[in-house]
């Protein structure tokens, strides 16, 4: 799962920067975000030290921000930053597990915050993570598809419809993913890949611009 997430994200970002008119790159790249979101949920549930996990996510988000802004020419918070906010949401929801009204308030406040503040994927990501964290497997694909439909009409994200393929893989083809997962991704690569690949793309893109000038 980690291997697929990294490769498809890399292809997605290559497409955004160098092949914006070829939607094939973006379609393939739609697999990445759900896999990263699911990995966050699994990592949160399995970690032995939640505080360390939170601080590590914050560090990766902070390190990634400048390369992200340079790569995509934007000031919005990068995707790991959005995942960090979602991680805080999961932590808060579990702390308030016996107070359902407060849980709903925390979830709603998170969704509102990421729509108010310019962050990558906005409200889409916390809602998807809530689906992965709290819903049974049989509901994941239908609700993910419904979420895609909402954002297709809300923000015109038609390509995002293809992200449902990732959830279908997670729910209906776990054997396939477990086979792929035999390709062990060292933790240092998994944790550093996001900022490093952005640095790589930004460096090449800006060097090309300088050559043109």
C-alpha atoms as a PDB file:
ATOM      1  CA  UNK A   1       0.000   0.000   0.000  1.00  0.00           C
ATOM      2  CA  UNK A   2       2.820   2.400   0.865  1.00  0.00           C
ATOM      3  CA  UNK A   3       4.612   1.616  -2.387  1.00  0.00           C
ATOM      4  CA  UNK A   4       1.480   2.260  -4.483  1.00  0.00           C
ATOM      5  CA  UNK A   5       0.755   5.468  -2.576  1.00  0.00           C
ATOM      6  CA  UNK A   6       4.231   6.883  -3.167  1.00  0.00           C
ATOM      7  CA  UNK A   7       4.433   5.940  -6.846  1.00  0.00           C
ATOM      8  CA  UNK A   8       0.958   7.214  -7.726  1.00  0.00           C
ATOM      9  CA  UNK A   9       1.553  10.459  -5.824  1.00  0.00           C
ATOM     10  CA  UNK A  10       4.810  11.000  -7.692  1.00  0.00           C
ATOM     11  CA  UNK A  11       3.074  10.410 -11.034  1.00  0.00           C
ATOM     12  CA  UNK A  12       0.252  12.743 -10.019  1.00  0.00           C
ATOM     13  CA  UNK A  13       2.626  15.583  -9.173  1.00  0.00           C
ATOM     14  CA  UNK A  14       4.685  15.043 -12.321  1.00  0.00           C
ATOM     15  CA  UNK A  15       1.454  15.360 -14.271  1.00  0.00           C
ATOM     16  CA  UNK A  16       0.418  18.554 -12.472  1.00  0.00           C
ATOM     17  CA  UNK A  17       3.752  20.290 -13.082  1.00  0.00           C
ATOM     18  CA  UNK A  18       4.802  19.071 -16.538  1.00  0.00           C
ATOM     19  CA  UNK A  19       1.778  17.512 -18.219  1.00  0.00           C
ATOM     20  CA  UNK A  20      -1.242  19.568 -17.060  1.00  0.00           C
ATOM     21  CA  UNK A  21      -3.163  18.842 -20.260  1.00  0.00           C
ATOM     22  CA  UNK A  22      -2.855  15.060 -19.931  1.00  0.00           C
ATOM     23  CA  UNK A  23      -5.433  13.832 -17.429  1.00  0.00           C
ATOM     24  CA  UNK A  24      -3.975  10.300 -17.395  1.00  0.00           C
ATOM     25  CA  UNK A  25      -1.394  11.327 -14.812  1.00  0.00           C
ATOM     26  CA  UNK A  26      -4.085  12.788 -12.547  1.00  0.00           C
ATOM     27  CA  UNK A  27      -6.340   9.747 -12.905  1.00  0.00           C
ATOM     28  CA  UNK A  28      -3.511   7.453 -11.796  1.00  0.00           C
ATOM     29  CA  UNK A  29      -2.623   9.882  -9.037  1.00  0.00           C
ATOM     30  CA  UNK A  30      -6.121   9.728  -7.552  1.00  0.00           C
ATOM     31  CA  UNK A  31      -5.117   6.478  -5.851  1.00  0.00           C
ATOM     32  CA  UNK A  32      -2.577   8.242  -3.657  1.00  0.00           C
ATOM     33  CA  UNK A  33      -4.659  10.380  -1.298  1.00  0.00           C
ATOM     34  CA  UNK A  34      -7.065   7.653  -0.087  1.00  0.00           C
ATOM     35  CA  UNK A  35      -4.117   5.321   0.515  1.00  0.00           C
ATOM     36  CA  UNK A  36      -2.295   7.987   2.524  1.00  0.00           C
ATOM     37  CA  UNK A  37      -5.489   8.741   4.441  1.00  0.00           C
ATOM     38  CA  UNK A  38      -6.004   5.064   5.218  1.00  0.00           C
ATOM     39  CA  UNK A  39      -2.341   4.712   6.211  1.00  0.00           C
ATOM     40  CA  UNK A  40      -2.797   7.610   8.632  1.00  0.00           C
ATOM     41  CA  UNK A  41      -5.749   5.885  10.284  1.00  0.00           C
ATOM     42  CA  UNK A  42      -3.883   2.569  10.546  1.00  0.00           C
ATOM     43  CA  UNK A  43      -0.774   4.304  11.830  1.00  0.00           C
ATOM     44  CA  UNK A  44      -2.785   6.162  14.439  1.00  0.00           C
ATOM     45  CA  UNK A  45      -4.495   2.990  15.647  1.00  0.00           C
ATOM     46  CA  UNK A  46      -1.256   0.997  15.792  1.00  0.00           C
ATOM     47  CA  UNK A  47       1.254   3.525  17.080  1.00  0.00           C
ATOM     48  CA  UNK A  48       2.699   2.965  20.526  1.00  0.00           C
ATOM     49  CA  UNK A  49       3.283   6.667  21.051  1.00  0.00           C
ATOM     50  CA  UNK A  50       0.547   8.962  19.745  1.00  0.00           C
ATOM     51  CA  UNK A  51       2.360  12.109  20.858  1.00  0.00           C
ATOM     52  CA  UNK A  52       5.467  11.147  18.887  1.00  0.00           C
ATOM     53  CA  UNK A  53       3.312  10.306  15.873  1.00  0.00           C
ATOM     54  CA  UNK A  54       1.670  13.735  16.048  1.00  0.00           C
ATOM     55  CA  UNK A  55       4.983  15.593  16.365  1.00  0.00           C
ATOM     56  CA  UNK A  56       6.480  13.588  13.499  1.00  0.00           C
ATOM     57  CA  UNK A  57       3.565  14.506  11.232  1.00  0.00           C
ATOM     58  CA  UNK A  58       3.946  18.157  12.191  1.00  0.00           C
ATOM     59  CA  UNK A  59       7.660  18.048  11.381  1.00  0.00           C
ATOM     60  CA  UNK A  60       7.069  16.475   7.956  1.00  0.00           C
ATOM     61  CA  UNK A  61       4.353  19.040   7.193  1.00  0.00           C
ATOM     62  CA  UNK A  62       6.619  21.932   8.214  1.00  0.00           C
ATOM     63  CA  UNK A  63       9.589  20.652   6.210  1.00  0.00           C
ATOM     64  CA  UNK A  64       7.380  20.086   3.171  1.00  0.00           C
ATOM     65  CA  UNK A  65       5.718  23.505   3.084  1.00  0.00           C
ATOM     66  CA  UNK A  66       8.342  25.499   1.169  1.00  0.00           C
ATOM     67  CA  UNK A  67       8.951  22.753  -1.451  1.00  0.00           C
ATOM     68  CA  UNK A  68       5.175  22.371  -1.803  1.00  0.00           C
ATOM     69  CA  UNK A  69       4.648  26.089  -2.304  1.00  0.00           C
ATOM     70  CA  UNK A  70       7.469  26.281  -4.845  1.00  0.00           C
ATOM     71  CA  UNK A  71       6.291  23.207  -6.756  1.00  0.00           C
ATOM     72  CA  UNK A  72       2.642  24.196  -7.073  1.00  0.00           C
ATOM     73  CA  UNK A  73       2.973  27.997  -6.836  1.00  0.00           C
ATOM     74  CA  UNK A  74       0.574  28.209  -3.917  1.00  0.00           C
ATOM     75  CA  UNK A  75       0.494  29.417  -0.326  1.00  0.00           C
ATOM     76  CA  UNK A  76      -2.023  26.816   0.837  1.00  0.00           C
ATOM     77  CA  UNK A  77      -1.030  24.311   3.532  1.00  0.00           C
ATOM     78  CA  UNK A  78       0.348  21.120   2.003  1.00  0.00           C
ATOM     79  CA  UNK A  79      -1.403  17.747   2.100  1.00  0.00           C
ATOM     80  CA  UNK A  80       0.633  16.411   5.030  1.00  0.00           C
ATOM     81  CA  UNK A  81      -0.394  19.557   6.889  1.00  0.00           C
ATOM     82  CA  UNK A  82      -4.028  18.641   6.249  1.00  0.00           C
ATOM     83  CA  UNK A  83      -3.317  15.092   7.400  1.00  0.00           C
ATOM     84  CA  UNK A  84      -1.756  16.534  10.557  1.00  0.00           C
ATOM     85  CA  UNK A  85      -4.959  18.469  11.284  1.00  0.00           C
ATOM     86  CA  UNK A  86      -6.938  15.262  10.688  1.00  0.00           C
ATOM     87  CA  UNK A  87      -4.642  13.389  13.076  1.00  0.00           C
ATOM     88  CA  UNK A  88      -5.347  15.957  15.778  1.00  0.00           C
ATOM     89  CA  UNK A  89      -9.053  15.476  15.061  1.00  0.00           C
ATOM     90  CA  UNK A  90      -8.781  11.692  15.558  1.00  0.00           C
ATOM     91  CA  UNK A  91      -6.861  12.212  18.798  1.00  0.00           C
ATOM     92  CA  UNK A  92      -9.485  14.653  20.098  1.00  0.00           C
ATOM     93  CA  UNK A  93     -12.382  12.409  19.074  1.00  0.00           C
ATOM     94  CA  UNK A  94     -10.895   9.474  20.980  1.00  0.00           C
ATOM     95  CA  UNK A  95     -10.288  11.655  24.031  1.00  0.00           C
ATOM     96  CA  UNK A  96     -13.979  12.542  23.974  1.00  0.00           C
ATOM     97  CA  UNK A  97     -15.283   9.085  23.054  1.00  0.00           C
ATOM     98  CA  UNK A  98     -17.994   9.144  25.746  1.00  0.00           C
ATOM     99  CA  UNK A  99     -19.169  12.646  24.827  1.00  0.00           C
ATOM    100  CA  UNK A 100     -20.882  12.283  21.496  1.00  0.00           C
ATOM    101  CA  UNK A 101     -22.090  15.880  21.215  1.00  0.00           C
ATOM    102  CA  UNK A 102     -18.545  17.155  21.659  1.00  0.00           C
ATOM    103  CA  UNK A 103     -17.266  14.618  19.137  1.00  0.00           C
ATOM    104  CA  UNK A 104     -19.719  15.893  16.541  1.00  0.00           C
ATOM    105  CA  UNK A 105     -18.692  19.465  17.369  1.00  0.00           C
ATOM    106  CA  UNK A 106     -14.978  18.645  16.983  1.00  0.00           C
ATOM    107  CA  UNK A 107     -15.531  16.889  13.646  1.00  0.00           C
ATOM    108  CA  UNK A 108     -17.710  19.723  12.351  1.00  0.00           C
ATOM    109  CA  UNK A 109     -15.195  22.346  13.533  1.00  0.00           C
ATOM    110  CA  UNK A 110     -12.375  20.506  11.745  1.00  0.00           C
ATOM    111  CA  UNK A 111     -14.332  20.321   8.501  1.00  0.00           C
ATOM    112  CA  UNK A 112     -15.199  24.017   8.778  1.00  0.00           C
ATOM    113  CA  UNK A 113     -11.608  25.008   9.631  1.00  0.00           C
ATOM    114  CA  UNK A 114     -10.028  23.282   6.646  1.00  0.00           C
ATOM    115  CA  UNK A 115     -12.582  24.889   4.343  1.00  0.00           C
ATOM    116  CA  UNK A 116     -12.017  28.325   5.883  1.00  0.00           C
ATOM    117  CA  UNK A 117      -8.205  28.144   5.866  1.00  0.00           C
ATOM    118  CA  UNK A 118      -6.570  27.360   2.500  1.00  0.00           C
ATOM    119  CA  UNK A 119      -5.329  23.793   2.912  1.00  0.00           C
ATOM    120  CA  UNK A 120      -4.820  21.003   0.412  1.00  0.00           C
ATOM    121  CA  UNK A 121      -8.060  19.084  -0.260  1.00  0.00           C
ATOM    122  CA  UNK A 122     -10.046  21.108   2.279  1.00  0.00           C
ATOM    123  CA  UNK A 123     -12.992  19.369   3.939  1.00  0.00           C
ATOM    124  CA  UNK A 124     -12.687  16.381   1.626  1.00  0.00           C
ATOM    125  CA  UNK A 125      -9.800  14.850   3.570  1.00  0.00           C
ATOM    126  CA  UNK A 126     -11.180  14.894   7.140  1.00  0.00           C
ATOM    127  CA  UNK A 127     -14.486  13.485   5.922  1.00  0.00           C
ATOM    128  CA  UNK A 128     -12.684  10.670   4.104  1.00  0.00           C
ATOM    129  CA  UNK A 129     -10.624   9.905   7.199  1.00  0.00           C
ATOM    130  CA  UNK A 130     -13.767   9.795   9.345  1.00  0.00           C
ATOM    131  CA  UNK A 131     -15.200   7.261   6.882  1.00  0.00           C
ATOM    132  CA  UNK A 132     -12.077   5.087   7.127  1.00  0.00           C
ATOM    133  CA  UNK A 133     -11.838   5.381  10.903  1.00  0.00           C
ATOM    134  CA  UNK A 134     -15.406   4.923  12.052  1.00  0.00           C
ATOM    135  CA  UNK A 135     -17.433   3.183   9.350  1.00  0.00           C
ATOM    136  CA  UNK A 136     -17.617  -0.585   8.684  1.00  0.00           C
ATOM    137  CA  UNK A 137     -15.837  -1.854   5.567  1.00  0.00           C
ATOM    138  CA  UNK A 138     -19.101  -2.397   3.688  1.00  0.00           C
ATOM    139  CA  UNK A 139     -19.918   1.334   3.932  1.00  0.00           C
ATOM    140  CA  UNK A 140     -16.512   2.692   2.943  1.00  0.00           C
ATOM    141  CA  UNK A 141     -16.855   2.471  -0.833  1.00  0.00           C
ATOM    142  CA  UNK A 142     -20.474   3.781  -1.069  1.00  0.00           C
ATOM    143  CA  UNK A 143     -19.737   6.713   1.242  1.00  0.00           C
ATOM    144  CA  UNK A 144     -16.453   7.511  -0.477  1.00  0.00           C
ATOM    145  CA  UNK A 145     -18.303   7.533  -3.794  1.00  0.00           C
ATOM    146  CA  UNK A 146     -20.980   9.814  -2.307  1.00  0.00           C
ATOM    147  CA  UNK A 147     -18.239  12.132  -1.014  1.00  0.00           C
ATOM    148  CA  UNK A 148     -16.740  12.259  -4.498  1.00  0.00           C
ATOM    149  CA  UNK A 149     -20.118  13.172  -5.965  1.00  0.00           C
ATOM    150  CA  UNK A 150     -20.576  15.972  -3.437  1.00  0.00           C
ATOM    151  CA  UNK A 151     -17.202  17.484  -4.294  1.00  0.00           C
ATOM    152  CA  UNK A 152     -17.752  17.017  -7.999  1.00  0.00           C
ATOM    153  CA  UNK A 153     -20.792  19.314  -7.768  1.00  0.00           C
ATOM    154  CA  UNK A 154     -19.312  21.518  -5.015  1.00  0.00           C
ATOM    155  CA  UNK A 155     -15.852  22.131  -6.516  1.00  0.00           C
ATOM    156  CA  UNK A 156     -15.967  20.515  -9.935  1.00  0.00           C
ATOM    157  CA  UNK A 157     -13.571  17.711  -8.960  1.00  0.00           C
ATOM    158  CA  UNK A 158     -14.499  15.286 -11.727  1.00  0.00           C
ATOM    159  CA  UNK A 159     -11.117  13.521 -11.807  1.00  0.00           C
ATOM    160  CA  UNK A 160     -11.431  12.853  -8.074  1.00  0.00           C
ATOM    161  CA  UNK A 161     -14.159  10.336  -8.896  1.00  0.00           C
ATOM    162  CA  UNK A 162     -11.385   7.890  -9.798  1.00  0.00           C
ATOM    163  CA  UNK A 163     -10.129   7.931  -6.195  1.00  0.00           C
ATOM    164  CA  UNK A 164     -12.864   5.412  -5.380  1.00  0.00           C
ATOM    165  CA  UNK A 165     -10.595   2.778  -6.957  1.00  0.00           C
ATOM    166  CA  UNK A 166      -8.296   3.015  -3.944  1.00  0.00           C
ATOM    167  CA  UNK A 167     -11.117   2.270  -1.520  1.00  0.00           C
ATOM    168  CA  UNK A 168     -12.272  -0.612  -3.688  1.00  0.00           C
ATOM    169  CA  UNK A 169      -8.748  -2.019  -3.474  1.00  0.00           C
ATOM    170  CA  UNK A 170      -8.691  -1.602   0.308  1.00  0.00           C
ATOM    171  CA  UNK A 171     -12.089  -3.209   0.861  1.00  0.00           C
ATOM    172  CA  UNK A 172     -12.367  -5.839  -1.857  1.00  0.00           C
ATOM    173  CA  UNK A 173      -8.773  -6.684  -2.784  1.00  0.00           C
ATOM    174  CA  UNK A 174      -6.807  -6.799   0.483  1.00  0.00           C
ATOM    175  CA  UNK A 175      -4.965  -9.907  -0.758  1.00  0.00           C
ATOM    176  CA  UNK A 176      -3.617  -7.908  -3.708  1.00  0.00           C
ATOM    177  CA  UNK A 177      -2.433  -5.124  -1.409  1.00  0.00           C
ATOM    178  CA  UNK A 178      -0.850  -7.578   1.006  1.00  0.00           C
ATOM    179  CA  UNK A 179       1.034  -9.096  -1.933  1.00  0.00           C
ATOM    180  CA  UNK A 180       2.278  -5.672  -2.997  1.00  0.00           C
ATOM    181  CA  UNK A 181       3.198  -4.917   0.619  1.00  0.00           C
ATOM    182  CA  UNK A 182       5.864  -7.592   0.418  1.00  0.00           C
ATOM    183  CA  UNK A 183       7.839  -4.769  -1.180  1.00  0.00           C
ATOM    184  CA  UNK A 184       9.034  -3.389   2.130  1.00  0.00           C
ATOM    185  CA  UNK A 185       9.351   0.384   2.246  1.00  0.00           C
ATOM    186  CA  UNK A 186      11.874   1.439   4.909  1.00  0.00           C
ATOM    187  CA  UNK A 187      10.355   3.869   7.394  1.00  0.00           C
ATOM    188  CA  UNK A 188      12.876   6.564   6.598  1.00  0.00           C
ATOM    189  CA  UNK A 189      11.851   6.478   2.916  1.00  0.00           C
ATOM    190  CA  UNK A 190       8.117   6.454   3.728  1.00  0.00           C
ATOM    191  CA  UNK A 191       8.510   9.448   6.065  1.00  0.00           C
ATOM    192  CA  UNK A 192      10.865  11.473   3.887  1.00  0.00           C
ATOM    193  CA  UNK A 193       9.398  10.745   0.451  1.00  0.00           C
ATOM    194  CA  UNK A 194       6.816  13.542   0.498  1.00  0.00           C
ATOM    195  CA  UNK A 195       9.194  16.470   1.100  1.00  0.00           C
ATOM    196  CA  UNK A 196      12.047  14.955  -0.918  1.00  0.00           C
ATOM    197  CA  UNK A 197      10.023  14.314  -4.065  1.00  0.00           C
ATOM    198  CA  UNK A 198       8.688  17.883  -3.883  1.00  0.00           C
ATOM    199  CA  UNK A 199      12.238  19.231  -3.587  1.00  0.00           C
ATOM    200  CA  UNK A 200      13.228  17.103  -6.582  1.00  0.00           C
ATOM    201  CA  UNK A 201      10.330  18.297  -8.768  1.00  0.00           C
ATOM    202  CA  UNK A 202      10.722  21.949  -7.740  1.00  0.00           C
ATOM    203  CA  UNK A 203      14.479  21.902  -8.394  1.00  0.00           C
ATOM    204  CA  UNK A 204      14.069  20.445 -11.894  1.00  0.00           C
ATOM    205  CA  UNK A 205      11.177  22.761 -12.736  1.00  0.00           C
ATOM    206  CA  UNK A 206      13.009  25.910 -11.658  1.00  0.00           C
ATOM    207  CA  UNK A 207      16.218  24.851 -13.402  1.00  0.00           C
ATOM    208  CA  UNK A 208      14.212  24.394 -16.607  1.00  0.00           C
ATOM    209  CA  UNK A 209      12.733  27.868 -16.211  1.00  0.00           C
ATOM    210  CA  UNK A 210      16.206  29.378 -15.776  1.00  0.00           C
ATOM    211  CA  UNK A 211      17.425  27.617 -18.915  1.00  0.00           C
ATOM    212  CA  UNK A 212      14.463  28.964 -20.888  1.00  0.00           C
ATOM    213  CA  UNK A 213      15.214  32.494 -19.725  1.00  0.00           C
END
